[in-house]
Amino acid sequence: MRAFEETKEQELDLTGLMCPLPIVITSEKMRRLKEGEILRVVSTDPGFERDIYNWCAQSGNELISLKKEEGKVIAVLRKRVNTIEPSLWYWIKFHSLGVKLHIRHTLMMINPFVKKPDHFITFSALSEGIRAEKYLKGRAKLIPIPDEIDPHCGVVMAVRGYEEAKKIYEELQREGFGVEAIYKKEGKEYRRVYP
């Protein structure tokens, strides 16, 4: 058995970088580590806390500790055996998804024949939104999260009508998706309406 306590901790300083760069760089660094090696990551991106928690759950790496300190998020990670870190190709596809979602949103807003969404379901992580859109098979569309809801990286499920939004939210919650809340657009403002 390997003595993890003797493993020297490496540090990755990502201060100043914003989503999605901190999680992309962390993933690439962890992919190169050996089993049992420890990486301490420092990030000033407010969304990094949520992102690293979900990334560890999905990749199989161990989140030893996670704390906030003087405007920074500090995560200590341990490489586990048989982890599944996304490849660089995955991250390239991830960025192209961001471009696609921005184009989708723009077309949705300028098309006079499309009823505009007025309710938006938020998620605990970007990956949860992506999974939810696949699960819903066209019943609702992902778009980038409006800055008025959260100025950081993320997505929302755009839905027309409160009842439909609540129905989708509750279905996703029952199926184990990381949904957070429903927001309603009122003019230029967004108000949390559920829960």
C-alpha atoms as a PDB file:
ATOM      1  CA  MET A   1       0.000   0.000   0.000  1.00  0.00           C
ATOM      2  CA  ARG A   2       1.292   3.455  -0.933  1.00  0.00           C
ATOM      3  CA  ALA A   3       1.923   5.942   1.868  1.00  0.00           C
ATOM      4  CA  PHE A   4      -0.053   8.970   0.634  1.00  0.00           C
ATOM      5  CA  GLU A   5       1.099  11.071   3.575  1.00  0.00           C
ATOM      6  CA  GLU A   6       4.682  11.096   2.215  1.00  0.00           C
ATOM      7  CA  THR A   7       3.602  12.453  -1.178  1.00  0.00           C
ATOM      8  CA  LYS A   8       4.809  16.010  -1.790  1.00  0.00           C
ATOM      9  CA  GLU A   9       1.988  18.447  -2.460  1.00  0.00           C
ATOM     10  CA  GLN A  10       2.140  20.334  -5.768  1.00  0.00           C
ATOM     11  CA  GLU A  11       0.559  23.769  -6.171  1.00  0.00           C
ATOM     12  CA  LEU A  12      -1.384  25.261  -9.058  1.00  0.00           C
ATOM     13  CA  ASP A  13      -2.006  29.021  -8.786  1.00  0.00           C
ATOM     14  CA  LEU A  14      -4.904  30.034 -11.030  1.00  0.00           C
ATOM     15  CA  THR A  15      -5.608  33.448  -9.518  1.00  0.00           C
ATOM     16  CA  GLY A  16      -7.020  35.922 -12.000  1.00  0.00           C
ATOM     17  CA  LEU A  17      -8.372  33.276 -14.389  1.00  0.00           C
ATOM     18  CA  MET A  18     -12.119  32.951 -14.932  1.00  0.00           C
ATOM     19  CA  CYS A  19     -14.403  30.053 -15.874  1.00  0.00           C
ATOM     20  CA  PRO A  20     -13.873  27.749 -17.613  1.00  0.00           C
ATOM     21  CA  LEU A  21     -10.050  28.069 -17.502  1.00  0.00           C
ATOM     22  CA  PRO A  22      -9.502  27.077 -13.825  1.00  0.00           C
ATOM     23  CA  ILE A  23     -11.315  23.741 -14.157  1.00  0.00           C
ATOM     24  CA  VAL A  24      -9.778  23.037 -17.582  1.00  0.00           C
ATOM     25  CA  ILE A  25      -6.219  23.663 -16.328  1.00  0.00           C
ATOM     26  CA  THR A  26      -6.849  21.693 -13.114  1.00  0.00           C
ATOM     27  CA  SER A  27      -8.172  18.742 -15.115  1.00  0.00           C
ATOM     28  CA  GLU A  28      -5.150  18.756 -17.416  1.00  0.00           C
ATOM     29  CA  LYS A  29      -2.740  18.949 -14.457  1.00  0.00           C
ATOM     30  CA  MET A  30      -4.477  16.110 -12.594  1.00  0.00           C
ATOM     31  CA  ARG A  31      -4.406  13.959 -15.717  1.00  0.00           C
ATOM     32  CA  ARG A  32      -0.593  14.085 -15.605  1.00  0.00           C
ATOM     33  CA  LEU A  33      -0.251  13.159 -11.920  1.00  0.00           C
ATOM     34  CA  LYS A  34       0.398   9.672 -10.595  1.00  0.00           C
ATOM     35  CA  GLU A  35      -1.923   7.846  -8.235  1.00  0.00           C
ATOM     36  CA  GLY A  36      -1.721   9.288  -4.730  1.00  0.00           C
ATOM     37  CA  GLU A  37      -0.128  12.587  -5.734  1.00  0.00           C
ATOM     38  CA  ILE A  38      -1.675  15.707  -4.213  1.00  0.00           C
ATOM     39  CA  LEU A  39      -2.460  19.003  -5.924  1.00  0.00           C
ATOM     40  CA  ARG A  40      -3.336  22.228  -4.112  1.00  0.00           C
ATOM     41  CA  VAL A  41      -5.274  24.579  -6.407  1.00  0.00           C
ATOM     42  CA  VAL A  42      -5.825  28.275  -5.695  1.00  0.00           C
ATOM     43  CA  SER A  43      -8.458  30.144  -7.715  1.00  0.00           C
ATOM     44  CA  THR A  44     -10.150  33.535  -7.516  1.00  0.00           C
ATOM     45  CA  ASP A  45     -13.027  32.451  -9.793  1.00  0.00           C
ATOM     46  CA  PRO A  46     -16.155  32.391  -7.569  1.00  0.00           C
ATOM     47  CA  GLY A  47     -17.631  29.513  -9.604  1.00  0.00           C
ATOM     48  CA  PHE A  48     -14.571  27.330  -9.045  1.00  0.00           C
ATOM     49  CA  GLU A  49     -15.817  26.025  -5.679  1.00  0.00           C
ATOM     50  CA  ARG A  50     -18.919  24.500  -7.276  1.00  0.00           C
ATOM     51  CA  ASP A  51     -17.039  23.405 -10.410  1.00  0.00           C
ATOM     52  CA  ILE A  52     -14.248  21.550  -8.573  1.00  0.00           C
ATOM     53  CA  TYR A  53     -16.700  19.758  -6.296  1.00  0.00           C
ATOM     54  CA  ASN A  54     -18.686  18.460  -9.283  1.00  0.00           C
ATOM     55  CA  TRP A  55     -15.557  17.704 -11.315  1.00  0.00           C
ATOM     56  CA  CYS A  56     -14.168  15.515  -8.497  1.00  0.00           C
ATOM     57  CA  ALA A  57     -17.478  13.653  -8.219  1.00  0.00           C
ATOM     58  CA  GLN A  58     -17.448  12.986 -11.966  1.00  0.00           C
ATOM     59  CA  SER A  59     -13.744  12.234 -12.436  1.00  0.00           C
ATOM     60  CA  GLY A  60     -13.264  10.054  -9.357  1.00  0.00           C
ATOM     61  CA  ASN A  61     -10.472  12.188  -7.895  1.00  0.00           C
ATOM     62  CA  GLU A  62     -10.540  12.827  -4.157  1.00  0.00           C
ATOM     63  CA  LEU A  63     -11.413  16.260  -2.829  1.00  0.00           C
ATOM     64  CA  ILE A  64      -9.361  16.326   0.392  1.00  0.00           C
ATOM     65  CA  SER A  65     -10.387  19.841   1.382  1.00  0.00           C
ATOM     66  CA  LEU A  66     -12.156  22.872  -0.020  1.00  0.00           C
ATOM     67  CA  LYS A  67     -12.169  26.289   1.636  1.00  0.00           C
ATOM     68  CA  LYS A  68     -12.526  29.998   0.961  1.00  0.00           C
ATOM     69  CA  GLU A  69      -9.850  32.324   2.245  1.00  0.00           C
ATOM     70  CA  GLU A  70      -9.417  36.044   1.511  1.00  0.00           C
ATOM     71  CA  GLY A  71     -11.376  35.956  -1.760  1.00  0.00           C
ATOM     72  CA  LYS A  72      -9.739  32.749  -2.943  1.00  0.00           C
ATOM     73  CA  VAL A  73     -11.026  29.202  -3.289  1.00  0.00           C
ATOM     74  CA  ILE A  74      -8.424  26.634  -2.195  1.00  0.00           C
ATOM     75  CA  ALA A  75      -8.946  23.008  -3.165  1.00  0.00           C
ATOM     76  CA  VAL A  76      -6.659  20.146  -2.194  1.00  0.00           C
ATOM     77  CA  LEU A  77      -7.037  17.133  -4.487  1.00  0.00           C
ATOM     78  CA  ARG A  78      -5.606  13.620  -4.507  1.00  0.00           C
ATOM     79  CA  LYS A  79      -5.197  11.597  -7.695  1.00  0.00           C
ATOM     80  CA  ARG A  80      -6.989   8.272  -7.386  1.00  0.00           C
ATOM     81  CA  VAL A  81      -6.553   5.108  -9.408  1.00  0.00           C
ATOM     82  CA  ASN A  82      -8.824   4.667 -12.450  1.00  0.00           C
ATOM     83  CA  THR A  83      -9.902   8.308 -12.630  1.00  0.00           C
ATOM     84  CA  ILE A  84     -11.627   9.723 -15.668  1.00  0.00           C
ATOM     85  CA  GLU A  85     -10.262  13.191 -16.403  1.00  0.00           C
ATOM     86  CA  PRO A  86     -11.566  14.705 -19.612  1.00  0.00           C
ATOM     87  CA  SER A  87      -9.072  14.952 -22.465  1.00  0.00           C
ATOM     88  CA  LEU A  88      -7.994  18.182 -24.093  1.00  0.00           C
ATOM     89  CA  TRP A  89     -10.325  17.264 -26.985  1.00  0.00           C
ATOM     90  CA  TYR A  90     -13.215  17.219 -24.498  1.00  0.00           C
ATOM     91  CA  TRP A  91     -12.364  20.767 -23.422  1.00  0.00           C
ATOM     92  CA  ILE A  92     -12.186  21.924 -27.053  1.00  0.00           C
ATOM     93  CA  LYS A  93     -15.688  20.494 -27.590  1.00  0.00           C
ATOM     94  CA  PHE A  94     -16.733  22.151 -24.315  1.00  0.00           C
ATOM     95  CA  HIS A  95     -15.664  25.581 -25.608  1.00  0.00           C
ATOM     96  CA  SER A  96     -17.427  25.007 -28.924  1.00  0.00           C
ATOM     97  CA  LEU A  97     -20.576  24.227 -26.916  1.00  0.00           C
ATOM     98  CA  GLY A  98     -20.283  27.664 -25.305  1.00  0.00           C
ATOM     99  CA  VAL A  99     -20.140  29.304 -28.728  1.00  0.00           C
ATOM    100  CA  LYS A 100     -23.130  27.219 -29.875  1.00  0.00           C
ATOM    101  CA  LEU A 101     -25.195  28.244 -26.829  1.00  0.00           C
ATOM    102  CA  HIS A 102     -24.454  31.946 -27.367  1.00  0.00           C
ATOM    103  CA  ILE A 103     -25.488  31.674 -31.027  1.00  0.00           C
ATOM    104  CA  ARG A 104     -28.644  29.751 -30.030  1.00  0.00           C
ATOM    105  CA  HIS A 105     -29.567  32.444 -27.525  1.00  0.00           C
ATOM    106  CA  THR A 106     -29.030  35.264 -30.025  1.00  0.00           C
ATOM    107  CA  LEU A 107     -31.137  33.527 -32.685  1.00  0.00           C
ATOM    108  CA  MET A 108     -33.851  32.781 -30.129  1.00  0.00           C
ATOM    109  CA  MET A 109     -34.062  36.450 -29.157  1.00  0.00           C
ATOM    110  CA  ILE A 110     -34.127  37.902 -32.688  1.00  0.00           C
ATOM    111  CA  ASN A 111     -36.480  35.358 -34.308  1.00  0.00           C
ATOM    112  CA  PRO A 112     -39.951  36.989 -34.388  1.00  0.00           C
ATOM    113  CA  PHE A 113     -41.657  33.593 -34.858  1.00  0.00           C
ATOM    114  CA  VAL A 114     -40.335  32.021 -31.653  1.00  0.00           C
ATOM    115  CA  LYS A 115     -42.073  32.561 -28.327  1.00  0.00           C
ATOM    116  CA  LYS A 116     -39.460  34.015 -26.009  1.00  0.00           C
ATOM    117  CA  PRO A 117     -38.621  32.069 -22.838  1.00  0.00           C
ATOM    118  CA  ASP A 118     -39.564  33.857 -19.633  1.00  0.00           C
ATOM    119  CA  HIS A 119     -38.446  31.309 -17.006  1.00  0.00           C
ATOM    120  CA  PHE A 120     -34.943  29.971 -16.476  1.00  0.00           C
ATOM    121  CA  ILE A 121     -33.856  26.917 -14.488  1.00  0.00           C
ATOM    122  CA  THR A 122     -30.399  27.144 -12.914  1.00  0.00           C
ATOM    123  CA  PHE A 123     -28.080  24.221 -12.139  1.00  0.00           C
ATOM    124  CA  SER A 124     -25.464  23.397  -9.517  1.00  0.00           C
ATOM    125  CA  ALA A 125     -22.885  22.938 -12.286  1.00  0.00           C
ATOM    126  CA  LEU A 126     -22.557  23.402 -16.018  1.00  0.00           C
ATOM    127  CA  SER A 127     -22.263  19.642 -16.494  1.00  0.00           C
ATOM    128  CA  GLU A 128     -25.664  19.152 -14.822  1.00  0.00           C
ATOM    129  CA  GLY A 129     -27.277  21.495 -17.350  1.00  0.00           C
ATOM    130  CA  ILE A 130     -25.663  19.666 -20.266  1.00  0.00           C
ATOM    131  CA  ARG A 131     -26.869  16.296 -18.940  1.00  0.00           C
ATOM    132  CA  ALA A 132     -30.368  17.706 -18.360  1.00  0.00           C
ATOM    133  CA  GLU A 133     -30.685  18.994 -21.925  1.00  0.00           C
ATOM    134  CA  LYS A 134     -29.792  15.544 -23.284  1.00  0.00           C
ATOM    135  CA  TYR A 135     -32.305  13.939 -20.922  1.00  0.00           C
ATOM    136  CA  LEU A 136     -35.103  16.342 -21.946  1.00  0.00           C
ATOM    137  CA  LYS A 137     -34.566  15.597 -25.658  1.00  0.00           C
ATOM    138  CA  GLY A 138     -35.622  18.999 -27.023  1.00  0.00           C
ATOM    139  CA  ARG A 139     -38.359  19.858 -24.506  1.00  0.00           C
ATOM    140  CA  ALA A 140     -36.263  22.839 -23.338  1.00  0.00           C
ATOM    141  CA  LYS A 141     -33.076  24.512 -24.515  1.00  0.00           C
ATOM    142  CA  LEU A 142     -29.888  25.483 -22.724  1.00  0.00           C
ATOM    143  CA  ILE A 143     -28.584  29.010 -23.073  1.00  0.00           C
ATOM    144  CA  PRO A 144     -25.764  30.870 -21.287  1.00  0.00           C
ATOM    145  CA  ILE A 145     -26.778  32.054 -17.826  1.00  0.00           C
ATOM    146  CA  PRO A 146     -27.859  35.713 -17.880  1.00  0.00           C
ATOM    147  CA  ASP A 147     -25.452  38.002 -16.018  1.00  0.00           C
ATOM    148  CA  GLU A 148     -28.373  39.301 -13.959  1.00  0.00           C
ATOM    149  CA  ILE A 149     -28.793  35.821 -12.439  1.00  0.00           C
ATOM    150  CA  ASP A 150     -25.081  35.013 -12.090  1.00  0.00           C
ATOM    151  CA  PRO A 151     -22.220  36.937 -13.744  1.00  0.00           C
ATOM    152  CA  HIS A 152     -20.028  33.832 -13.841  1.00  0.00           C
ATOM    153  CA  CYS A 153     -19.817  30.918 -16.228  1.00  0.00           C
ATOM    154  CA  GLY A 154     -22.875  28.696 -16.430  1.00  0.00           C
ATOM    155  CA  VAL A 155     -26.039  27.699 -18.248  1.00  0.00           C
ATOM    156  CA  VAL A 156     -29.776  27.846 -17.690  1.00  0.00           C
ATOM    157  CA  MET A 157     -32.655  25.892 -19.159  1.00  0.00           C
ATOM    158  CA  ALA A 158     -34.872  28.402 -21.006  1.00  0.00           C
ATOM    159  CA  VAL A 159     -38.595  27.638 -20.667  1.00  0.00           C
ATOM    160  CA  ARG A 160     -41.836  29.420 -21.573  1.00  0.00           C
ATOM    161  CA  GLY A 161     -44.306  29.692 -18.680  1.00  0.00           C
ATOM    162  CA  TYR A 162     -44.091  29.085 -14.946  1.00  0.00           C
ATOM    163  CA  GLU A 163     -46.083  25.826 -14.899  1.00  0.00           C
ATOM    164  CA  GLU A 164     -43.885  24.256 -17.587  1.00  0.00           C
ATOM    165  CA  ALA A 165     -40.721  25.442 -15.838  1.00  0.00           C
ATOM    166  CA  LYS A 166     -41.875  24.011 -12.502  1.00  0.00           C
ATOM    167  CA  LYS A 167     -42.870  20.704 -14.121  1.00  0.00           C
ATOM    168  CA  ILE A 168     -39.421  20.363 -15.766  1.00  0.00           C
ATOM    169  CA  TYR A 169     -37.632  21.461 -12.576  1.00  0.00           C
ATOM    170  CA  GLU A 170     -39.444  18.865 -10.453  1.00  0.00           C
ATOM    171  CA  GLU A 171     -38.900  16.103 -13.019  1.00  0.00           C
ATOM    172  CA  LEU A 172     -35.176  16.863 -13.192  1.00  0.00           C
ATOM    173  CA  GLN A 173     -34.970  16.940  -9.404  1.00  0.00           C
ATOM    174  CA  ARG A 174     -36.713  13.533  -9.128  1.00  0.00           C
ATOM    175  CA  GLU A 175     -34.275  12.111 -11.683  1.00  0.00           C
ATOM    176  CA  GLY A 176     -31.273  13.272  -9.631  1.00  0.00           C
ATOM    177  CA  PHE A 177     -30.151  16.328 -11.608  1.00  0.00           C
ATOM    178  CA  GLY A 178     -28.511  19.210  -9.737  1.00  0.00           C
ATOM    179  CA  VAL A 179     -31.209  21.852 -10.281  1.00  0.00           C
ATOM    180  CA  GLU A 180     -31.059  24.954  -8.101  1.00  0.00           C
ATOM    181  CA  ALA A 181     -33.880  27.407  -8.787  1.00  0.00           C
ATOM    182  CA  ILE A 182     -36.299  28.926 -11.295  1.00  0.00           C
ATOM    183  CA  TYR A 183     -35.991  32.603 -12.218  1.00  0.00           C
ATOM    184  CA  LYS A 184     -38.607  34.691 -14.022  1.00  0.00           C
ATOM    185  CA  LYS A 185     -37.618  37.480 -16.389  1.00  0.00           C
ATOM    186  CA  GLU A 186     -39.490  40.692 -15.611  1.00  0.00           C
ATOM    187  CA  GLY A 187     -38.405  43.422 -18.001  1.00  0.00           C
ATOM    188  CA  LYS A 188     -34.617  43.549 -17.647  1.00  0.00           C
ATOM    189  CA  GLU A 189     -34.635  41.949 -14.195  1.00  0.00           C
ATOM    190  CA  TYR A 190     -34.695  38.292 -13.113  1.00  0.00           C
ATOM    191  CA  ARG A 191     -36.555  37.279  -9.948  1.00  0.00           C
ATOM    192  CA  ARG A 192     -36.235  33.936  -8.195  1.00  0.00           C
ATOM    193  CA  VAL A 193     -39.699  32.360  -8.127  1.00  0.00           C
ATOM    194  CA  TYR A 194     -39.058  28.745  -7.059  1.00  0.00           C
ATOM    195  CA  PRO A 195     -38.169  27.311  -4.571  1.00  0.00           C
END
